[in-house]
Amino acid sequence: KSNTTGSNATVIGYNAMFYANSTGTAFTNYNVAVGFEAYRGSTTASANTGNYNTVIGYQALWSNNTGNYNTAIGYQALLLNTNGGYNTANGNRALYSNTTGLENTASGHASLFANNTGSNNTAYGYNSVYLNNTGFQNTGIGQNALYSNTAGSNNTALGGGADVASGALTNATAIGANTVVSASNSLVLGSGANVGIGISAPLSTLDVNGAISTKITTITSSTTLDNTAEVWYATPSSNITLTLPAASAVTNRRYIVVNRSAQIVSIDSYTDLLGATTVTVPTNSSIEIISNGTSWLQIK
């Protein structure tokens, strides 16, 4: 209705693109708006410079002014978008709250509903990635997948109800229906499921049909053991000291420590197979120890 300078637009529906073509500067308009108040536009005429947008649905892309290359299909899809571009919203209220976020893809009812400034997110499924507001590069596939993420980034949830335990994790992955990951830089497979590698009917939490490789690190000087290796192979030319992480911080972690020398290799205390507290690794021998969450215990 308020078209003044835009041209080549396609409009079908009551008050569709009502203000969107009202900028005072002439431009070729490649927008398509179909539906009641679809791509209504800004009441500020000079703000309406958006182009290459495709809109189908009641009040879809309703607030857009400068956003370009958006596709909104469904009731109030991308309703609040103003400057965001290159977004695709397919579903009722998909990307409803987006304002300036870029390059998001949402397919499914209310997928990426709360996204405001977050960019490069992908959501497929009913209410998927629903609460994301500022997070970027998140992927949720499945009903309610990654529902609880708000500000976290680089997270992935695959499966209905797969989610994060808190809203600001980074690089966390949950795979499987109702699987929840609660720490950044972590991957969780299944909710109470057995995981099989090379086997179709796993009988244990992890069932591997084949050899397992583990990293070995050779050391010649005093070292703090960490999560970069399981086997620590000491070949010092003089006495050295090995520092263990706090047992409470690495529950169930296991180390194999080899002293392949005649030198004294001191180590933080562990309980040996006789129940005695020990602080060395015997010469030309090895120990295998594990954390029980309180202390280090020798198991071999």
C-alpha atoms as a PDB file:
ATOM      1  CA  LYS A   1       0.000   0.000   0.000  1.00  0.00           C
ATOM      2  CA  SER A   2       2.802   2.437   0.823  1.00  0.00           C
ATOM      3  CA  ASN A   3       4.945   1.554  -2.189  1.00  0.00           C
ATOM      4  CA  THR A   4       6.716   4.692  -3.458  1.00  0.00           C
ATOM      5  CA  THR A   5      10.050   3.778  -5.042  1.00  0.00           C
ATOM      6  CA  GLY A   6      10.492  -0.018  -5.056  1.00  0.00           C
ATOM      7  CA  SER A   7       9.823  -1.986  -8.238  1.00  0.00           C
ATOM      8  CA  ASN A   8       9.568  -5.631  -9.388  1.00  0.00           C
ATOM      9  CA  ALA A   9       8.207  -6.855  -6.037  1.00  0.00           C
ATOM     10  CA  THR A  10       5.541  -9.565  -5.879  1.00  0.00           C
ATOM     11  CA  VAL A  11       2.855  -9.054  -3.244  1.00  0.00           C
ATOM     12  CA  ILE A  12      -0.273 -11.070  -2.453  1.00  0.00           C
ATOM     13  CA  GLY A  13      -2.294 -10.550   0.707  1.00  0.00           C
ATOM     14  CA  TYR A  14      -3.886  -7.928   2.945  1.00  0.00           C
ATOM     15  CA  ASN A  15      -1.275  -5.279   3.928  1.00  0.00           C
ATOM     16  CA  ALA A  16       1.571  -7.459   2.678  1.00  0.00           C
ATOM     17  CA  MET A  17       4.709  -5.280   2.281  1.00  0.00           C
ATOM     18  CA  PHE A  18       2.597  -2.415   3.646  1.00  0.00           C
ATOM     19  CA  TYR A  19       5.685  -0.261   4.405  1.00  0.00           C
ATOM     20  CA  ALA A  20       8.464  -2.380   2.914  1.00  0.00           C
ATOM     21  CA  ASN A  21       8.635  -0.491  -0.379  1.00  0.00           C
ATOM     22  CA  SER A  22       8.433   2.978   1.126  1.00  0.00           C
ATOM     23  CA  THR A  23      12.129   3.935   1.150  1.00  0.00           C
ATOM     24  CA  GLY A  24      12.726   7.331  -0.407  1.00  0.00           C
ATOM     25  CA  THR A  25      15.505   6.047  -2.674  1.00  0.00           C
ATOM     26  CA  ALA A  26      14.567   4.214  -5.828  1.00  0.00           C
ATOM     27  CA  PHE A  27      15.736   0.592  -6.004  1.00  0.00           C
ATOM     28  CA  THR A  28      14.911  -2.591  -7.864  1.00  0.00           C
ATOM     29  CA  ASN A  29      13.044  -4.810  -5.441  1.00  0.00           C
ATOM     30  CA  TYR A  30      13.291  -8.591  -5.676  1.00  0.00           C
ATOM     31  CA  ASN A  31      11.124  -9.300  -2.631  1.00  0.00           C
ATOM     32  CA  VAL A  32       8.172 -11.686  -2.627  1.00  0.00           C
ATOM     33  CA  ALA A  33       5.513 -11.460   0.087  1.00  0.00           C
ATOM     34  CA  VAL A  34       2.437 -13.679   0.255  1.00  0.00           C
ATOM     35  CA  GLY A  35       0.027 -13.586   3.175  1.00  0.00           C
ATOM     36  CA  PHE A  36      -1.718 -11.299   5.666  1.00  0.00           C
ATOM     37  CA  GLU A  37       0.784  -8.519   6.625  1.00  0.00           C
ATOM     38  CA  ALA A  38       3.642 -10.627   5.296  1.00  0.00           C
ATOM     39  CA  TYR A  39       6.852  -8.547   5.276  1.00  0.00           C
ATOM     40  CA  ARG A  40       5.017  -5.486   6.596  1.00  0.00           C
ATOM     41  CA  GLY A  41       8.245  -3.480   6.984  1.00  0.00           C
ATOM     42  CA  SER A  42       9.316  -0.543   9.114  1.00  0.00           C
ATOM     43  CA  THR A  43       7.228   2.580   9.658  1.00  0.00           C
ATOM     44  CA  THR A  44      10.489   4.498   9.106  1.00  0.00           C
ATOM     45  CA  ALA A  45      10.541   4.825   5.341  1.00  0.00           C
ATOM     46  CA  SER A  46      14.303   5.201   4.938  1.00  0.00           C
ATOM     47  CA  ALA A  47      14.921   1.932   6.784  1.00  0.00           C
ATOM     48  CA  ASN A  48      13.190  -0.253   4.218  1.00  0.00           C
ATOM     49  CA  THR A  49      16.097  -1.337   2.041  1.00  0.00           C
ATOM     50  CA  GLY A  50      15.829  -5.118   2.438  1.00  0.00           C
ATOM     51  CA  ASN A  51      15.989  -7.118  -0.759  1.00  0.00           C
ATOM     52  CA  TYR A  52      15.904 -10.652  -2.133  1.00  0.00           C
ATOM     53  CA  ASN A  53      13.547 -11.827   0.613  1.00  0.00           C
ATOM     54  CA  THR A  54      10.923 -14.527   0.057  1.00  0.00           C
ATOM     55  CA  VAL A  55       8.025 -14.566   2.508  1.00  0.00           C
ATOM     56  CA  ILE A  56       4.948 -16.796   2.698  1.00  0.00           C
ATOM     57  CA  GLY A  57       2.673 -16.760   5.708  1.00  0.00           C
ATOM     58  CA  TYR A  58       0.649 -14.661   8.138  1.00  0.00           C
ATOM     59  CA  GLN A  59       2.932 -11.838   9.425  1.00  0.00           C
ATOM     60  CA  ALA A  60       6.029 -13.722   8.337  1.00  0.00           C
ATOM     61  CA  LEU A  61       9.126 -11.451   8.318  1.00  0.00           C
ATOM     62  CA  TRP A  62       6.751  -8.784   9.641  1.00  0.00           C
ATOM     63  CA  SER A  63       9.369  -6.349  11.044  1.00  0.00           C
ATOM     64  CA  ASN A  64      12.088  -6.621   8.406  1.00  0.00           C
ATOM     65  CA  ASN A  65      13.715  -3.431   7.170  1.00  0.00           C
ATOM     66  CA  THR A  66      17.353  -3.877   6.013  1.00  0.00           C
ATOM     67  CA  GLY A  67      17.613  -7.680   6.139  1.00  0.00           C
ATOM     68  CA  ASN A  68      18.467  -9.354   2.848  1.00  0.00           C
ATOM     69  CA  TYR A  69      18.205 -12.867   1.404  1.00  0.00           C
ATOM     70  CA  ASN A  70      15.828 -14.201   4.045  1.00  0.00           C
ATOM     71  CA  THR A  71      13.273 -16.942   3.457  1.00  0.00           C
ATOM     72  CA  ALA A  72      10.338 -17.116   5.858  1.00  0.00           C
ATOM     73  CA  ILE A  73       7.569 -19.682   5.406  1.00  0.00           C
ATOM     74  CA  GLY A  74       4.921 -20.139   8.066  1.00  0.00           C
ATOM     75  CA  TYR A  75       2.805 -18.232  10.572  1.00  0.00           C
ATOM     76  CA  GLN A  76       4.971 -15.426  12.074  1.00  0.00           C
ATOM     77  CA  ALA A  77       8.179 -17.024  10.888  1.00  0.00           C
ATOM     78  CA  LEU A  78      11.020 -14.517  11.400  1.00  0.00           C
ATOM     79  CA  LEU A  79       8.411 -12.126  12.786  1.00  0.00           C
ATOM     80  CA  LEU A  80      10.819  -9.765  14.600  1.00  0.00           C
ATOM     81  CA  ASN A  81      13.695  -9.822  12.136  1.00  0.00           C
ATOM     82  CA  THR A  82      14.952  -6.334  11.334  1.00  0.00           C
ATOM     83  CA  ASN A  83      18.516  -6.488  10.005  1.00  0.00           C
ATOM     84  CA  GLY A  84      19.323 -10.204   9.981  1.00  0.00           C
ATOM     85  CA  GLY A  85      20.115 -11.713   6.622  1.00  0.00           C
ATOM     86  CA  TYR A  86      20.558 -15.057   4.881  1.00  0.00           C
ATOM     87  CA  ASN A  87      18.186 -16.771   7.333  1.00  0.00           C
ATOM     88  CA  THR A  88      15.796 -19.573   6.446  1.00  0.00           C
ATOM     89  CA  ALA A  89      12.752 -20.163   8.640  1.00  0.00           C
ATOM     90  CA  ASN A  90      10.336 -22.925   7.711  1.00  0.00           C
ATOM     91  CA  GLY A  91       7.543 -23.501  10.208  1.00  0.00           C
ATOM     92  CA  ASN A  92       5.132 -21.615  12.429  1.00  0.00           C
ATOM     93  CA  ARG A  93       7.083 -19.086  14.517  1.00  0.00           C
ATOM     94  CA  ALA A  94      10.403 -20.499  13.394  1.00  0.00           C
ATOM     95  CA  LEU A  95      13.142 -17.948  14.194  1.00  0.00           C
ATOM     96  CA  TYR A  96      10.347 -15.836  15.671  1.00  0.00           C
ATOM     97  CA  SER A  97      12.560 -13.587  17.848  1.00  0.00           C
ATOM     98  CA  ASN A  98      15.491 -13.145  15.488  1.00  0.00           C
ATOM     99  CA  THR A  99      16.476  -9.498  14.977  1.00  0.00           C
ATOM    100  CA  THR A 100      20.040  -9.317  13.645  1.00  0.00           C
ATOM    101  CA  GLY A 101      21.174 -12.944  13.580  1.00  0.00           C
ATOM    102  CA  LEU A 102      22.673 -14.145  10.318  1.00  0.00           C
ATOM    103  CA  GLU A 103      22.754 -17.378   8.346  1.00  0.00           C
ATOM    104  CA  ASN A 104      20.460 -19.390  10.597  1.00  0.00           C
ATOM    105  CA  THR A 105      18.359 -22.298   9.361  1.00  0.00           C
ATOM    106  CA  ALA A 106      15.250 -23.327  11.297  1.00  0.00           C
ATOM    107  CA  SER A 107      12.783 -25.972  10.148  1.00  0.00           C
ATOM    108  CA  GLY A 108       9.927 -27.011  12.398  1.00  0.00           C
ATOM    109  CA  HIS A 109       7.367 -25.353  14.642  1.00  0.00           C
ATOM    110  CA  ALA A 110       9.053 -22.762  16.914  1.00  0.00           C
ATOM    111  CA  SER A 111      12.518 -23.977  15.999  1.00  0.00           C
ATOM    112  CA  LEU A 112      15.125 -21.403  17.085  1.00  0.00           C
ATOM    113  CA  PHE A 113      12.173 -19.499  18.550  1.00  0.00           C
ATOM    114  CA  ALA A 114      14.132 -17.305  21.010  1.00  0.00           C
ATOM    115  CA  ASN A 115      17.144 -16.650  18.794  1.00  0.00           C
ATOM    116  CA  ASN A 116      17.912 -12.936  18.750  1.00  0.00           C
ATOM    117  CA  THR A 117      21.466 -12.190  17.627  1.00  0.00           C
ATOM    118  CA  GLY A 118      22.829 -15.724  17.307  1.00  0.00           C
ATOM    119  CA  SER A 119      24.177 -16.707  13.909  1.00  0.00           C
ATOM    120  CA  ASN A 120      25.028 -19.822  11.909  1.00  0.00           C
ATOM    121  CA  ASN A 121      22.687 -22.059  13.896  1.00  0.00           C
ATOM    122  CA  THR A 122      20.803 -25.038  12.450  1.00  0.00           C
ATOM    123  CA  ALA A 123      17.598 -26.419  13.956  1.00  0.00           C
ATOM    124  CA  TYR A 124      15.434 -29.206  12.545  1.00  0.00           C
ATOM    125  CA  GLY A 125      12.427 -30.389  14.503  1.00  0.00           C
ATOM    126  CA  TYR A 126       9.601 -29.161  16.727  1.00  0.00           C
ATOM    127  CA  ASN A 127      10.977 -26.674  19.310  1.00  0.00           C
ATOM    128  CA  SER A 128      14.555 -27.536  18.378  1.00  0.00           C
ATOM    129  CA  VAL A 129      17.220 -25.120  19.716  1.00  0.00           C
ATOM    130  CA  TYR A 130      14.221 -23.297  21.180  1.00  0.00           C
ATOM    131  CA  LEU A 131      15.887 -21.109  23.846  1.00  0.00           C
ATOM    132  CA  ASN A 132      19.022 -20.122  21.953  1.00  0.00           C
ATOM    133  CA  ASN A 133      19.432 -16.356  22.131  1.00  0.00           C
ATOM    134  CA  THR A 134      23.010 -15.339  21.347  1.00  0.00           C
ATOM    135  CA  GLY A 135      24.802 -18.645  20.740  1.00  0.00           C
ATOM    136  CA  PHE A 136      26.308 -19.406  17.355  1.00  0.00           C
ATOM    137  CA  GLN A 137      27.148 -22.459  15.256  1.00  0.00           C
ATOM    138  CA  ASN A 138      24.839 -24.783  17.178  1.00  0.00           C
ATOM    139  CA  THR A 139      23.022 -27.733  15.615  1.00  0.00           C
ATOM    140  CA  GLY A 140      19.912 -29.422  16.981  1.00  0.00           C
ATOM    141  CA  ILE A 141      18.120 -32.172  15.068  1.00  0.00           C
ATOM    142  CA  GLY A 142      15.025 -33.776  16.547  1.00  0.00           C
ATOM    143  CA  GLN A 143      12.033 -32.733  18.629  1.00  0.00           C
ATOM    144  CA  ASN A 144      13.220 -30.430  21.440  1.00  0.00           C
ATOM    145  CA  ALA A 145      16.832 -31.094  20.463  1.00  0.00           C
ATOM    146  CA  LEU A 146      19.248 -28.639  22.117  1.00  0.00           C
ATOM    147  CA  TYR A 147      16.201 -26.966  23.652  1.00  0.00           C
ATOM    148  CA  SER A 148      18.007 -25.531  26.718  1.00  0.00           C
ATOM    149  CA  ASN A 149      20.953 -23.820  25.048  1.00  0.00           C
ATOM    150  CA  THR A 150      20.823 -20.041  25.423  1.00  0.00           C
ATOM    151  CA  ALA A 151      24.295 -18.542  24.927  1.00  0.00           C
ATOM    152  CA  GLY A 152      26.499 -21.560  24.241  1.00  0.00           C
ATOM    153  CA  SER A 153      28.201 -22.081  20.906  1.00  0.00           C
ATOM    154  CA  ASN A 154      29.466 -24.950  18.749  1.00  0.00           C
ATOM    155  CA  ASN A 155      27.128 -27.431  20.440  1.00  0.00           C
ATOM    156  CA  THR A 156      25.404 -30.377  18.753  1.00  0.00           C
ATOM    157  CA  ALA A 157      22.357 -32.403  19.801  1.00  0.00           C
ATOM    158  CA  LEU A 158      21.098 -35.263  17.628  1.00  0.00           C
ATOM    159  CA  GLY A 159      17.888 -37.028  18.615  1.00  0.00           C
ATOM    160  CA  GLY A 160      14.574 -36.179  20.201  1.00  0.00           C
ATOM    161  CA  GLY A 161      15.167 -34.544  23.587  1.00  0.00           C
ATOM    162  CA  ALA A 162      18.954 -34.584  23.209  1.00  0.00           C
ATOM    163  CA  ASP A 163      20.116 -31.541  25.114  1.00  0.00           C
ATOM    164  CA  VAL A 164      22.667 -29.665  27.194  1.00  0.00           C
ATOM    165  CA  ALA A 165      22.366 -29.499  30.976  1.00  0.00           C
ATOM    166  CA  SER A 166      23.013 -25.751  31.071  1.00  0.00           C
ATOM    167  CA  GLY A 167      22.688 -22.897  28.619  1.00  0.00           C
ATOM    168  CA  ALA A 168      26.259 -21.709  28.073  1.00  0.00           C
ATOM    169  CA  LEU A 169      28.333 -24.783  27.222  1.00  0.00           C
ATOM    170  CA  THR A 170      30.825 -24.786  24.356  1.00  0.00           C
ATOM    171  CA  ASN A 171      31.680 -27.620  21.988  1.00  0.00           C
ATOM    172  CA  ALA A 172      29.364 -30.065  23.761  1.00  0.00           C
ATOM    173  CA  THR A 173      27.714 -32.930  21.860  1.00  0.00           C
ATOM    174  CA  ALA A 174      24.798 -35.175  22.830  1.00  0.00           C
ATOM    175  CA  ILE A 175      23.872 -38.037  20.492  1.00  0.00           C
ATOM    176  CA  GLY A 176      20.789 -40.167  21.022  1.00  0.00           C
ATOM    177  CA  ALA A 177      17.247 -39.636  22.242  1.00  0.00           C
ATOM    178  CA  ASN A 178      17.098 -37.852  25.624  1.00  0.00           C
ATOM    179  CA  THR A 179      20.871 -37.811  25.955  1.00  0.00           C
ATOM    180  CA  VAL A 180      22.171 -34.893  28.051  1.00  0.00           C
ATOM    181  CA  VAL A 181      25.715 -33.493  28.061  1.00  0.00           C
ATOM    182  CA  SER A 182      26.730 -31.376  31.061  1.00  0.00           C
ATOM    183  CA  ALA A 183      30.321 -30.277  30.332  1.00  0.00           C
ATOM    184  CA  SER A 184      31.983 -28.255  27.596  1.00  0.00           C
ATOM    185  CA  ASN A 185      34.334 -30.001  25.176  1.00  0.00           C
ATOM    186  CA  SER A 186      32.527 -33.278  25.825  1.00  0.00           C
ATOM    187  CA  LEU A 187      30.649 -35.899  23.812  1.00  0.00           C
ATOM    188  CA  VAL A 188      27.944 -38.148  25.297  1.00  0.00           C
ATOM    189  CA  LEU A 189      26.609 -41.157  23.384  1.00  0.00           C
ATOM    190  CA  GLY A 190      23.190 -42.413  24.399  1.00  0.00           C
ATOM    191  CA  SER A 191      21.054 -42.124  27.511  1.00  0.00           C
ATOM    192  CA  GLY A 192      21.819 -45.309  29.425  1.00  0.00           C
ATOM    193  CA  ALA A 193      22.715 -47.013  26.168  1.00  0.00           C
ATOM    194  CA  ASN A 194      25.454 -49.497  25.358  1.00  0.00           C
ATOM    195  CA  VAL A 195      27.830 -48.357  22.641  1.00  0.00           C
ATOM    196  CA  GLY A 196      29.143 -50.837  20.117  1.00  0.00           C
ATOM    197  CA  ILE A 197      32.071 -50.392  17.762  1.00  0.00           C
ATOM    198  CA  GLY A 198      32.228 -53.039  15.087  1.00  0.00           C
ATOM    199  CA  ILE A 199      29.397 -54.938  16.784  1.00  0.00           C
ATOM    200  CA  SER A 200      25.621 -54.665  16.340  1.00  0.00           C
ATOM    201  CA  ALA A 201      24.490 -55.865  19.788  1.00  0.00           C
ATOM    202  CA  PRO A 202      26.803 -54.416  22.447  1.00  0.00           C
ATOM    203  CA  LEU A 203      26.583 -56.105  25.861  1.00  0.00           C
ATOM    204  CA  SER A 204      28.628 -53.578  27.830  1.00  0.00           C
ATOM    205  CA  THR A 205      28.665 -49.801  28.166  1.00  0.00           C
ATOM    206  CA  LEU A 206      31.427 -49.886  25.542  1.00  0.00           C
ATOM    207  CA  ASP A 207      31.782 -53.054  23.479  1.00  0.00           C
ATOM    208  CA  VAL A 208      34.616 -53.000  20.956  1.00  0.00           C
ATOM    209  CA  ASN A 209      35.096 -55.710  18.355  1.00  0.00           C
ATOM    210  CA  GLY A 210      38.779 -55.096  17.616  1.00  0.00           C
ATOM    211  CA  ALA A 211      41.960 -53.649  19.004  1.00  0.00           C
ATOM    212  CA  ILE A 212      42.035 -50.440  21.039  1.00  0.00           C
ATOM    213  CA  SER A 213      44.861 -47.961  20.599  1.00  0.00           C
ATOM    214  CA  THR A 214      46.064 -45.729  23.414  1.00  0.00           C
ATOM    215  CA  LYS A 215      48.715 -43.064  23.403  1.00  0.00           C
ATOM    216  CA  ILE A 216      52.124 -43.615  24.988  1.00  0.00           C
ATOM    217  CA  THR A 217      54.312 -40.683  26.007  1.00  0.00           C
ATOM    218  CA  THR A 218      58.026 -41.086  26.654  1.00  0.00           C
ATOM    219  CA  ILE A 219      59.427 -38.864  29.409  1.00  0.00           C
ATOM    220  CA  THR A 220      62.948 -38.206  30.609  1.00  0.00           C
ATOM    221  CA  SER A 221      62.371 -35.467  33.166  1.00  0.00           C
ATOM    222  CA  SER A 222      59.922 -34.532  35.906  1.00  0.00           C
ATOM    223  CA  THR A 223      56.402 -34.345  34.490  1.00  0.00           C
ATOM    224  CA  THR A 224      52.804 -33.686  35.476  1.00  0.00           C
ATOM    225  CA  LEU A 225      50.546 -36.410  34.123  1.00  0.00           C
ATOM    226  CA  ASP A 226      47.427 -35.174  32.304  1.00  0.00           C
ATOM    227  CA  ASN A 227      44.762 -36.344  29.865  1.00  0.00           C
ATOM    228  CA  THR A 228      47.011 -36.431  26.804  1.00  0.00           C
ATOM    229  CA  ALA A 229      48.189 -40.031  27.321  1.00  0.00           C
ATOM    230  CA  GLU A 230      47.384 -43.183  29.260  1.00  0.00           C
ATOM    231  CA  VAL A 231      50.839 -44.787  29.186  1.00  0.00           C
ATOM    232  CA  TRP A 232      53.794 -42.810  30.547  1.00  0.00           C
ATOM    233  CA  TYR A 233      57.126 -44.412  29.709  1.00  0.00           C
ATOM    234  CA  ALA A 234      59.978 -43.020  31.791  1.00  0.00           C
ATOM    235  CA  THR A 235      63.587 -43.401  30.601  1.00  0.00           C
ATOM    236  CA  PRO A 236      65.418 -40.832  32.769  1.00  0.00           C
ATOM    237  CA  SER A 237      69.162 -40.582  33.220  1.00  0.00           C
ATOM    238  CA  SER A 238      68.678 -39.158  36.734  1.00  0.00           C
ATOM    239  CA  ASN A 239      66.017 -39.188  39.411  1.00  0.00           C
ATOM    240  CA  ILE A 240      62.690 -37.573  38.446  1.00  0.00           C
ATOM    241  CA  THR A 241      59.306 -36.810  40.019  1.00  0.00           C
ATOM    242  CA  LEU A 242      55.895 -37.478  38.477  1.00  0.00           C
ATOM    243  CA  THR A 243      52.932 -35.400  39.641  1.00  0.00           C
ATOM    244  CA  LEU A 244      49.450 -36.894  39.512  1.00  0.00           C
ATOM    245  CA  PRO A 245      46.287 -34.805  39.111  1.00  0.00           C
ATOM    246  CA  ALA A 246      44.010 -34.688  42.126  1.00  0.00           C
ATOM    247  CA  ALA A 247      42.100 -37.970  42.266  1.00  0.00           C
ATOM    248  CA  SER A 248      38.875 -36.102  42.993  1.00  0.00           C
ATOM    249  CA  ALA A 249      39.143 -34.218  39.700  1.00  0.00           C
ATOM    250  CA  VAL A 250      39.631 -37.267  37.457  1.00  0.00           C
ATOM    251  CA  THR A 251      37.455 -40.045  38.862  1.00  0.00           C
ATOM    252  CA  ASN A 252      37.987 -43.356  37.007  1.00  0.00           C
ATOM    253  CA  ARG A 253      41.039 -42.131  35.094  1.00  0.00           C
ATOM    254  CA  ARG A 254      43.683 -44.790  34.636  1.00  0.00           C
ATOM    255  CA  TYR A 255      47.443 -44.497  34.096  1.00  0.00           C
ATOM    256  CA  ILE A 256      50.104 -47.050  33.254  1.00  0.00           C
ATOM    257  CA  VAL A 257      53.491 -45.759  34.448  1.00  0.00           C
ATOM    258  CA  VAL A 258      56.678 -47.526  33.332  1.00  0.00           C
ATOM    259  CA  ASN A 259      60.107 -46.913  34.903  1.00  0.00           C
ATOM    260  CA  ARG A 260      62.470 -48.271  32.270  1.00  0.00           C
ATOM    261  CA  SER A 261      65.610 -47.261  34.130  1.00  0.00           C
ATOM    262  CA  ALA A 262      67.654 -47.768  37.262  1.00  0.00           C
ATOM    263  CA  GLN A 263      66.800 -44.263  38.444  1.00  0.00           C
ATOM    264  CA  ILE A 264      64.371 -43.320  41.200  1.00  0.00           C
ATOM    265  CA  VAL A 265      61.002 -42.270  39.787  1.00  0.00           C
ATOM    266  CA  SER A 266      59.035 -40.587  42.562  1.00  0.00           C
ATOM    267  CA  ILE A 267      55.292 -40.179  42.221  1.00  0.00           C
ATOM    268  CA  ASP A 268      52.438 -38.750  44.260  1.00  0.00           C
ATOM    269  CA  SER A 269      51.211 -41.324  46.738  1.00  0.00           C
ATOM    270  CA  TYR A 270      49.089 -44.278  45.689  1.00  0.00           C
ATOM    271  CA  THR A 271      47.894 -47.373  47.511  1.00  0.00           C
ATOM    272  CA  ASP A 272      49.713 -50.480  46.253  1.00  0.00           C
ATOM    273  CA  LEU A 273      48.372 -54.016  45.944  1.00  0.00           C
ATOM    274  CA  LEU A 274      49.302 -54.763  49.558  1.00  0.00           C
ATOM    275  CA  GLY A 275      47.376 -51.740  50.802  1.00  0.00           C
ATOM    276  CA  ALA A 276      50.499 -49.744  51.594  1.00  0.00           C
ATOM    277  CA  THR A 277      51.004 -46.084  50.662  1.00  0.00           C
ATOM    278  CA  THR A 278      53.726 -45.904  48.030  1.00  0.00           C
ATOM    279  CA  VAL A 279      55.520 -42.934  46.465  1.00  0.00           C
ATOM    280  CA  THR A 280      57.840 -44.523  43.886  1.00  0.00           C
ATOM    281  CA  VAL A 281      57.686 -46.585  40.741  1.00  0.00           C
ATOM    282  CA  PRO A 282      60.149 -49.476  41.169  1.00  0.00           C
ATOM    283  CA  THR A 283      63.134 -49.605  38.815  1.00  0.00           C
ATOM    284  CA  ASN A 284      62.678 -51.499  35.557  1.00  0.00           C
ATOM    285  CA  SER A 285      59.005 -52.187  36.271  1.00  0.00           C
ATOM    286  CA  SER A 286      55.567 -50.689  35.807  1.00  0.00           C
ATOM    287  CA  ILE A 287      52.401 -49.912  37.731  1.00  0.00           C
ATOM    288  CA  GLU A 288      48.797 -49.457  36.680  1.00  0.00           C
ATOM    289  CA  ILE A 289      46.783 -47.080  38.854  1.00  0.00           C
ATOM    290  CA  ILE A 290      43.228 -45.720  38.813  1.00  0.00           C
ATOM    291  CA  SER A 291      41.426 -42.917  40.611  1.00  0.00           C
ATOM    292  CA  ASN A 292      38.386 -43.866  42.692  1.00  0.00           C
ATOM    293  CA  GLY A 293      37.499 -40.207  43.149  1.00  0.00           C
ATOM    294  CA  THR A 294      39.287 -39.987  46.477  1.00  0.00           C
ATOM    295  CA  SER A 295      42.728 -41.518  45.996  1.00  0.00           C
ATOM    296  CA  TRP A 296      44.918 -43.400  43.529  1.00  0.00           C
ATOM    297  CA  LEU A 297      44.838 -47.201  43.727  1.00  0.00           C
ATOM    298  CA  GLN A 298      47.190 -49.705  42.110  1.00  0.00           C
ATOM    299  CA  ILE A 299      45.326 -52.391  40.163  1.00  0.00           C
ATOM    300  CA  LYS A 300      48.281 -54.079  38.524  1.00  0.00           C
END
